[in-house]
Amino acid sequence: MSDPTPQSTKVCPTCGTRLAENAARCLVCGTELTAVVEVKKATNIEAARMPEITLSLPLALGLLTIFLLAGATIVFVAMQLTGGPAADGEATGTITPTLTVTPTATEIFTTTPVPTSTTQPPFEYTIGQGDTCLGLAATFNVSYQSIILLNNLSANCILSVGQRILIPYPTPTPPPAATSTLEASQATLEACERVIYRVQGNDTLSSIAANYAVPQDAIKAYNSLSTDTVFLDMNLIIPLCERAATPGPTPTPTVPPPYPAANLLLPADGASFTLANDSISLQWASIGTLRENEAYQIIVEDVTDGSRRIVQYVTDTRFIVPSSFRPRDNAPHVFRWWITTVRQSGTDEQGQPIWVPAGAQSAQRVFSWQGVAPESTPQP
């Protein structure tokens, strides 16, 4: 006996009973099967498929190569814009510079001490025959008052032979302060009077020079011009000090006014000198700066012996009467002296200068001078 032909079946979705394929209701649970079938049929409907792209192997490899090259280019450009990769073994990051303040050494200025004169102590002097305070002051070039004050003497300054007194050293005169002096060329340039001229139309260097009576070469030198060409509105320095002298009569030199009378200083009027004085120093105050052709005329005459006289011309304010003018006898002689400022007006036939008075005559002073020791009086 052969097997019956199988029939198509379906399963109830609710209770799982196998039913015939065309069954409309489940015999067990009563579920309607028509909707299920329709759902099943709807489920079996296939969705629309997307279009498929088929590439060959060489084309795929070419696209991959292009993609890799594009990525490498983008990475390289990004690295260049950001400064490049960090060096091997070095840490990446931003370096912040640290400012280090170095203290500056303070310059210390030291003042140079001004040299001061060291005062020397006075020295001791033994009074000789005929010594007076005025004579000692003139001999050692100190003041009369300094000797009196240093030795507590009276105003008359009475001295005795053999007396020891102190003589101060002369006070040094401080040198004048240094002044800034220009060089001769620079001083001449600074002293030159100058004006500024602006070149006008049709002006030439020669016409400008003629207008100001200034040499053309002088204008070129003051303006550092290498040619004679000048330009419109150009400023030129015109050195008026370079003008040529205007022709005319020769000016007569102006004679300076007469000098005042010189004041006599030492020795004092009526001073006496003895054998201890080999020479006598005459001093007077300066009347000012003498010119090259001017001098002081000193006249010393022996009043006791009217035939003896000295006339000398010096530019200093001191004259020493030589020992040869000492009296020749043992009696004290009275001498008179005075000063006159003179000026040389020419020379004589022997070539000696001719002097004329250039100022007032000073007052006259006298002093006494003994030249020979007195003779001893014989004893009866």
Protein backbone atom coordinates (compact mmCIF):
# COMPACT_ATOMS: atom_id res chain seq x y z
CA MET A 1 0.00 0.00 0.00
CA SER A 2 1.47 3.23 -1.14
CA ASP A 3 1.69 6.59 0.89
CA PRO A 4 -0.98 9.18 0.22
CA THR A 5 0.04 12.27 -1.64
CA PRO A 6 1.07 15.00 0.76
CA GLN A 7 -1.00 18.11 0.82
CA SER A 8 0.17 21.66 1.48
CA THR A 9 -0.48 22.81 5.03
CA LYS A 10 -0.11 25.94 7.11
CA VAL A 11 0.25 26.57 10.79
CA CYS A 12 -2.13 28.61 12.87
CA PRO A 13 -0.23 31.66 14.11
CA THR A 14 -2.19 31.60 17.35
CA CYS A 15 -2.23 28.06 18.64
CA GLY A 16 0.17 26.33 16.24
CA THR A 17 -2.31 23.82 14.86
CA ARG A 18 -1.42 22.51 11.38
CA LEU A 19 -4.24 23.17 9.03
CA ALA A 20 -4.92 22.77 5.33
CA GLU A 21 -3.51 25.37 3.08
CA ASN A 22 -6.88 26.69 2.08
CA ALA A 23 -8.37 26.66 5.56
CA ALA A 24 -9.98 30.00 6.33
CA ARG A 25 -10.39 29.46 10.11
CA CYS A 26 -8.47 27.51 12.71
CA LEU A 27 -10.52 24.56 13.87
CA VAL A 28 -9.00 24.71 17.35
CA CYS A 29 -8.86 28.42 18.34
CA GLY A 30 -11.10 29.88 15.65
CA THR A 31 -8.56 32.41 14.38
CA GLU A 32 -9.31 33.81 10.93
CA LEU A 33 -6.46 32.83 8.61
CA THR A 34 -7.22 35.02 5.54
CA ALA A 35 -5.45 38.16 6.90
CA VAL A 36 -2.40 36.16 7.84
CA VAL A 37 -2.05 34.84 4.38
CA GLU A 38 -2.31 38.30 2.95
CA VAL A 39 0.31 39.56 5.41
CA LYS A 40 2.55 36.65 4.50
CA LYS A 41 2.17 37.39 0.86
CA ALA A 42 2.85 41.04 1.51
CA THR A 43 5.91 40.07 3.50
CA ASN A 44 7.32 38.02 0.69
CA ILE A 45 7.32 41.06 -1.63
CA GLU A 46 10.99 42.06 -2.28
CA ALA A 47 12.11 45.74 -1.85
CA ALA A 48 13.57 47.73 -4.74
CA ARG A 49 17.33 47.12 -5.08
CA MET A 50 19.95 50.04 -5.19
CA PRO A 51 22.00 50.41 -8.38
CA GLU A 52 25.24 48.52 -8.24
CA ILE A 53 28.56 50.04 -9.42
CA THR A 54 31.13 47.62 -10.66
CA LEU A 55 34.84 48.73 -10.77
CA SER A 56 37.70 46.91 -12.28
CA LEU A 57 40.81 46.23 -10.16
CA PRO A 58 43.20 48.67 -11.96
CA LEU A 59 40.67 51.49 -11.66
CA ALA A 60 40.21 50.84 -7.94
CA LEU A 61 43.98 50.92 -7.36
CA GLY A 62 44.29 54.22 -9.28
CA LEU A 63 41.56 55.86 -7.19
CA LEU A 64 43.22 54.66 -3.99
CA THR A 65 46.58 56.11 -5.08
CA ILE A 66 45.00 59.48 -5.87
CA PHE A 67 43.29 59.53 -2.45
CA LEU A 68 46.57 58.79 -0.64
CA LEU A 69 48.47 61.50 -2.56
CA ALA A 70 45.77 64.07 -1.78
CA GLY A 71 45.91 63.22 1.94
CA ALA A 72 49.73 63.44 1.99
CA THR A 73 49.60 66.88 0.29
CA ILE A 74 47.09 68.19 2.84
CA VAL A 75 49.25 66.97 5.75
CA PHE A 76 52.43 68.56 4.23
CA VAL A 77 50.75 71.94 3.71
CA ALA A 78 49.38 71.90 7.27
CA MET A 79 52.85 71.18 8.67
CA GLN A 80 54.39 74.04 6.68
CA LEU A 81 51.81 76.52 7.97
CA THR A 82 52.38 75.50 11.59
CA GLY A 83 56.18 75.74 11.43
CA GLY A 84 57.14 72.23 10.56
CA PRO A 85 57.72 69.21 12.67
CA ALA A 86 59.78 69.36 15.80
CA ALA A 87 63.34 68.12 15.61
CA ASP A 88 64.05 64.58 16.65
CA GLY A 89 64.55 64.27 20.34
CA GLU A 90 63.30 67.78 21.08
CA ALA A 91 60.15 68.58 22.95
CA THR A 92 57.55 70.51 21.02
CA GLY A 93 55.85 73.56 22.42
CA THR A 94 56.10 77.36 22.57
CA ILE A 95 59.38 78.79 23.89
CA THR A 96 58.80 81.80 26.14
CA PRO A 97 61.89 84.03 26.40
CA THR A 98 62.87 85.03 29.94
CA LEU A 99 64.11 88.60 30.38
CA THR A 100 67.25 88.75 32.54
CA VAL A 101 67.98 92.17 34.04
CA THR A 102 71.71 92.84 34.39
CA PRO A 103 72.50 95.60 36.89
CA THR A 104 74.52 98.45 35.39
CA ALA A 105 77.60 99.49 37.27
CA THR A 106 77.27 102.98 38.72
CA GLU A 107 80.14 105.22 37.76
CA ILE A 108 81.63 107.00 40.75
CA PHE A 109 83.23 110.35 40.07
CA THR A 110 86.05 111.42 42.30
CA THR A 111 87.01 115.06 42.57
CA THR A 112 90.64 115.96 42.08
CA PRO A 113 91.88 117.81 45.14
CA VAL A 114 92.99 121.37 44.44
CA PRO A 115 96.64 121.83 45.35
CA THR A 116 97.10 124.20 48.25
CA SER A 117 100.20 126.09 49.14
CA THR A 118 102.01 124.93 52.28
CA THR A 119 102.88 127.85 54.53
CA GLN A 120 106.53 127.71 55.57
CA PRO A 121 107.45 128.62 59.13
CA PRO A 122 109.25 131.92 59.65
CA PHE A 123 113.02 131.95 59.92
CA GLU A 124 115.18 133.69 62.46
CA TYR A 125 117.24 136.74 61.59
CA THR A 126 119.86 138.60 63.69
CA ILE A 127 119.64 142.39 63.53
CA GLY A 128 122.79 144.07 62.21
CA GLN A 129 124.00 147.63 62.21
CA GLY A 130 121.53 149.94 60.38
CA ASP A 131 118.77 147.33 59.94
CA THR A 132 115.24 148.70 59.93
CA CYS A 133 111.86 147.04 59.55
CA LEU A 134 111.30 148.79 56.24
CA GLY A 135 114.65 147.64 54.92
CA LEU A 136 114.05 144.07 56.04
CA ALA A 137 110.58 144.07 54.50
CA ALA A 138 112.02 145.25 51.17
CA THR A 139 114.93 142.81 51.31
CA PHE A 140 112.84 139.74 52.04
CA ASN A 141 109.82 140.87 49.99
CA VAL A 142 107.38 140.80 52.91
CA SER A 143 105.10 143.43 54.39
CA TYR A 144 106.17 145.85 57.10
CA GLN A 145 103.15 144.94 59.25
CA SER A 146 103.88 141.19 59.12
CA ILE A 147 107.26 141.70 60.81
CA ILE A 148 105.75 143.88 63.56
CA LEU A 149 102.85 141.47 64.25
CA LEU A 150 105.00 138.34 64.20
CA ASN A 151 107.51 139.76 66.71
CA ASN A 152 105.08 141.84 68.85
CA LEU A 153 107.04 145.01 68.14
CA SER A 154 105.85 148.57 68.61
CA ALA A 155 104.50 150.63 65.75
CA ASN A 156 107.85 152.46 65.45
CA CYS A 157 109.62 149.10 65.04
CA ILE A 158 112.64 149.90 67.21
CA LEU A 159 115.39 147.30 66.68
CA SER A 160 118.77 146.81 68.39
CA VAL A 161 121.96 145.25 67.05
CA GLY A 162 122.15 141.56 67.89
CA GLN A 163 118.41 141.22 68.43
CA ARG A 164 116.87 138.05 66.97
CA ILE A 165 113.55 138.43 65.21
CA LEU A 166 111.38 136.18 63.01
CA ILE A 167 110.97 136.95 59.31
CA PRO A 168 107.91 135.38 57.60
CA TYR A 169 108.20 133.82 54.17
CA PRO A 170 106.44 135.74 51.38
CA THR A 171 102.88 134.54 50.75
CA PRO A 172 102.77 132.80 47.37
CA THR A 173 100.50 134.46 44.87
CA PRO A 174 97.99 131.94 43.46
CA PRO A 175 98.22 131.59 39.68
CA PRO A 176 95.35 133.09 37.70
CA ALA A 177 92.57 130.73 36.70
CA ALA A 178 92.95 129.20 33.28
CA THR A 179 90.68 130.68 30.67
CA SER A 180 89.61 129.08 27.43
CA THR A 181 91.43 130.79 24.59
CA LEU A 182 90.54 130.27 20.95
CA GLU A 183 93.22 129.58 18.40
CA ALA A 184 94.35 132.50 16.26
CA SER A 185 92.54 131.29 13.14
CA GLN A 186 89.36 130.46 15.05
CA ALA A 187 89.44 133.80 16.88
CA THR A 188 89.81 135.65 13.57
CA LEU A 189 86.90 133.72 12.10
CA GLU A 190 84.66 134.43 15.08
CA ALA A 191 85.53 138.13 15.06
CA CYS A 192 84.65 138.54 11.38
CA GLU A 193 81.38 140.43 10.76
CA ARG A 194 79.16 138.54 8.30
CA VAL A 195 75.78 139.00 6.63
CA ILE A 196 73.53 136.55 4.75
CA TYR A 197 72.52 137.48 1.20
CA ARG A 198 69.87 135.61 -0.85
CA VAL A 199 70.71 135.42 -4.53
CA GLN A 200 68.20 137.33 -6.70
CA GLY A 201 67.45 137.11 -10.41
CA ASN A 202 70.35 138.09 -12.74
CA ASP A 203 72.80 138.02 -9.81
CA THR A 204 76.32 136.72 -10.40
CA LEU A 205 79.09 136.07 -7.95
CA SER A 206 81.12 138.95 -9.37
CA SER A 207 78.21 141.41 -9.10
CA ILE A 208 77.54 140.40 -5.49
CA ALA A 209 81.23 140.79 -4.63
CA ALA A 210 81.33 144.22 -6.28
CA ASN A 211 78.15 145.31 -4.49
CA TYR A 212 79.62 144.51 -1.06
CA ALA A 213 83.22 145.48 -1.97
CA VAL A 214 84.35 142.01 -0.86
CA PRO A 215 86.80 139.91 -2.92
CA GLN A 216 85.11 137.18 -4.93
CA ASP A 217 87.55 134.54 -3.64
CA ALA A 218 86.65 135.45 -0.05
CA ILE A 219 82.95 134.77 -0.71
CA LYS A 220 83.83 131.44 -2.35
CA ALA A 221 86.04 130.46 0.61
CA TYR A 222 83.41 131.30 3.26
CA ASN A 223 80.71 129.39 1.34
CA SER A 224 82.91 126.45 0.23
CA LEU A 225 82.14 127.12 -3.46
CA SER A 226 84.23 125.32 -6.06
CA THR A 227 82.95 127.39 -8.99
CA ASP A 228 81.68 130.92 -9.62
CA THR A 229 78.13 129.70 -10.27
CA VAL A 230 75.35 130.81 -7.93
CA PHE A 231 71.68 129.82 -8.01
CA LEU A 232 68.42 131.67 -7.44
CA ASP A 233 67.37 131.90 -3.74
CA MET A 234 70.77 130.58 -2.67
CA ASN A 235 71.97 131.96 0.70
CA LEU A 236 75.52 133.31 0.64
CA ILE A 237 77.69 134.35 3.59
CA ILE A 238 79.25 137.77 2.89
CA PRO A 239 82.37 138.32 5.07
CA LEU A 240 82.38 142.07 5.61
CA CYS A 241 85.70 141.83 7.43
CA GLU A 242 87.34 140.98 4.10
CA ARG A 243 86.48 144.35 2.57
CA ALA A 244 89.34 146.20 0.99
CA ALA A 245 90.46 149.36 2.74
CA THR A 246 88.91 152.51 1.39
CA PRO A 247 91.61 154.63 -0.21
CA GLY A 248 92.17 157.88 1.59
CA PRO A 249 94.64 159.74 3.79
CA THR A 250 96.80 157.69 6.13
CA PRO A 251 95.25 157.82 9.58
CA THR A 252 97.31 159.49 12.27
CA PRO A 253 98.05 157.14 15.15
CA THR A 254 96.21 158.12 18.30
CA VAL A 255 98.56 159.00 21.12
CA PRO A 256 97.47 157.30 24.37
CA PRO A 257 96.60 159.63 27.25
CA PRO A 258 99.28 160.42 29.84
CA TYR A 259 99.76 157.85 32.58
CA PRO A 260 99.14 158.81 36.22
CA ALA A 261 102.01 159.24 38.60
CA ALA A 262 103.43 156.00 40.00
CA ASN A 263 103.05 155.35 43.74
CA LEU A 264 106.40 154.75 45.48
CA LEU A 265 106.47 151.80 47.88
CA LEU A 266 109.91 151.05 49.29
CA PRO A 267 112.03 152.17 50.96
CA ALA A 268 110.02 154.45 53.21
CA ASP A 269 110.71 158.12 53.00
CA GLY A 270 113.66 158.94 55.33
CA ALA A 271 114.89 155.34 55.69
CA SER A 272 118.56 154.91 56.63
CA PHE A 273 121.04 152.30 55.35
CA THR A 274 124.47 151.44 56.72
CA LEU A 275 127.53 149.40 55.76
CA ALA A 276 125.51 146.19 56.10
CA ASN A 277 123.50 147.10 52.99
CA ASP A 278 125.50 146.32 49.85
CA SER A 279 122.58 147.42 47.66
CA ILE A 280 119.23 149.17 48.03
CA SER A 281 116.02 148.00 46.37
CA LEU A 282 113.62 150.67 45.08
CA GLN A 283 110.01 149.55 44.47
CA TRP A 284 106.86 151.24 43.13
CA ALA A 285 103.34 150.30 42.08
CA SER A 286 102.57 149.54 38.42
CA ILE A 287 100.60 152.15 36.46
CA GLY A 288 99.23 149.46 34.07
CA THR A 289 100.44 147.44 31.12
CA LEU A 290 103.24 149.25 29.30
CA ARG A 291 103.47 149.23 25.49
CA GLU A 292 106.52 147.97 23.63
CA ASN A 293 108.02 151.46 23.33
CA GLU A 294 107.35 152.53 26.93
CA ALA A 295 109.35 152.20 30.16
CA TYR A 296 109.86 153.60 33.65
CA GLN A 297 112.57 156.26 34.08
CA ILE A 298 114.31 156.04 37.49
CA ILE A 299 116.42 158.96 38.67
CA VAL A 300 118.58 158.61 41.81
CA GLU A 301 120.80 161.54 42.82
CA ASP A 302 123.20 162.11 45.67
CA VAL A 303 121.95 165.27 47.38
CA THR A 304 125.01 165.47 49.62
CA ASP A 305 127.36 165.22 46.63
CA GLY A 306 125.45 167.02 43.88
CA SER A 307 127.67 165.66 41.09
CA ARG A 308 126.50 162.04 41.34
CA ARG A 309 123.33 160.89 39.59
CA ILE A 310 121.83 157.70 38.08
CA VAL A 311 119.25 157.64 35.25
CA GLN A 312 117.95 154.21 34.23
CA TYR A 313 115.03 152.86 32.11
CA VAL A 314 113.32 149.60 33.11
CA THR A 315 110.01 147.86 32.42
CA ASP A 316 109.86 146.19 35.84
CA THR A 317 108.55 147.89 39.00
CA ARG A 318 111.81 147.38 40.87
CA PHE A 319 115.32 148.80 40.60
CA ILE A 320 118.36 147.91 42.70
CA VAL A 321 120.83 150.72 43.40
CA PRO A 322 124.26 149.12 42.85
CA SER A 323 126.93 149.10 45.52
CA SER A 324 129.16 151.17 43.24
CA PHE A 325 126.89 154.15 43.98
CA ARG A 326 127.67 153.87 47.71
CA PRO A 327 129.22 157.02 49.23
CA ARG A 328 133.01 157.14 49.12
CA ASP A 329 133.50 158.86 52.46
CA ASN A 330 132.52 157.87 55.99
CA ALA A 331 129.70 160.44 56.30
CA PRO A 332 126.08 159.36 55.63
CA HIS A 333 124.80 160.75 52.33
CA VAL A 334 121.19 161.70 51.53
CA PHE A 335 119.79 160.35 48.25
CA ARG A 336 116.65 161.49 46.40
CA TRP A 337 114.75 159.33 43.86
CA TRP A 338 111.55 159.45 41.76
CA ILE A 339 109.82 157.68 38.84
CA THR A 340 108.42 158.96 35.49
CA THR A 341 106.73 156.96 32.71
CA VAL A 342 108.42 157.66 29.35
CA ARG A 343 107.85 156.68 25.72
CA GLN A 344 110.46 156.22 22.95
CA SER A 345 110.01 158.70 20.12
CA GLY A 346 112.99 157.68 18.00
CA THR A 347 116.78 157.22 18.12
CA ASP A 348 119.69 159.63 18.06
CA GLU A 349 122.77 159.61 15.81
CA GLN A 350 124.46 157.00 17.99
CA GLY A 351 121.41 154.73 17.82
CA GLN A 352 120.38 155.42 21.39
CA PRO A 353 116.63 155.72 22.09
CA ILE A 354 115.12 159.14 22.58
CA TRP A 355 112.66 159.16 25.49
CA VAL A 356 109.86 161.63 26.04
CA PRO A 357 107.56 161.85 29.10
CA ALA A 358 104.40 159.75 28.84
CA GLY A 359 102.94 160.41 32.27
CA ALA A 360 103.11 162.42 35.43
CA GLN A 361 106.17 162.39 37.66
CA SER A 362 105.90 160.59 40.98
CA ALA A 363 106.55 162.12 44.38
CA GLN A 364 110.16 162.27 45.55
CA ARG A 365 111.55 160.26 48.44
CA VAL A 366 114.88 160.39 50.27
CA PHE A 367 117.01 157.87 52.13
CA SER A 368 120.41 157.97 53.80
CA TRP A 369 123.31 155.62 53.09
CA GLN A 370 126.69 155.33 54.76
CA GLY A 371 129.51 154.00 52.64
CA VAL A 372 132.72 153.89 54.73
CA ALA A 373 133.26 153.02 58.37
CA PRO A 374 133.91 156.12 60.50
CA GLU A 375 137.51 156.74 61.57
CA SER A 376 138.30 155.92 65.15
CA THR A 377 139.05 158.91 67.38
CA PRO A 378 142.58 158.62 68.85
CA GLN A 379 142.68 158.34 72.64
CA PRO A 380 144.66 161.10 74.43
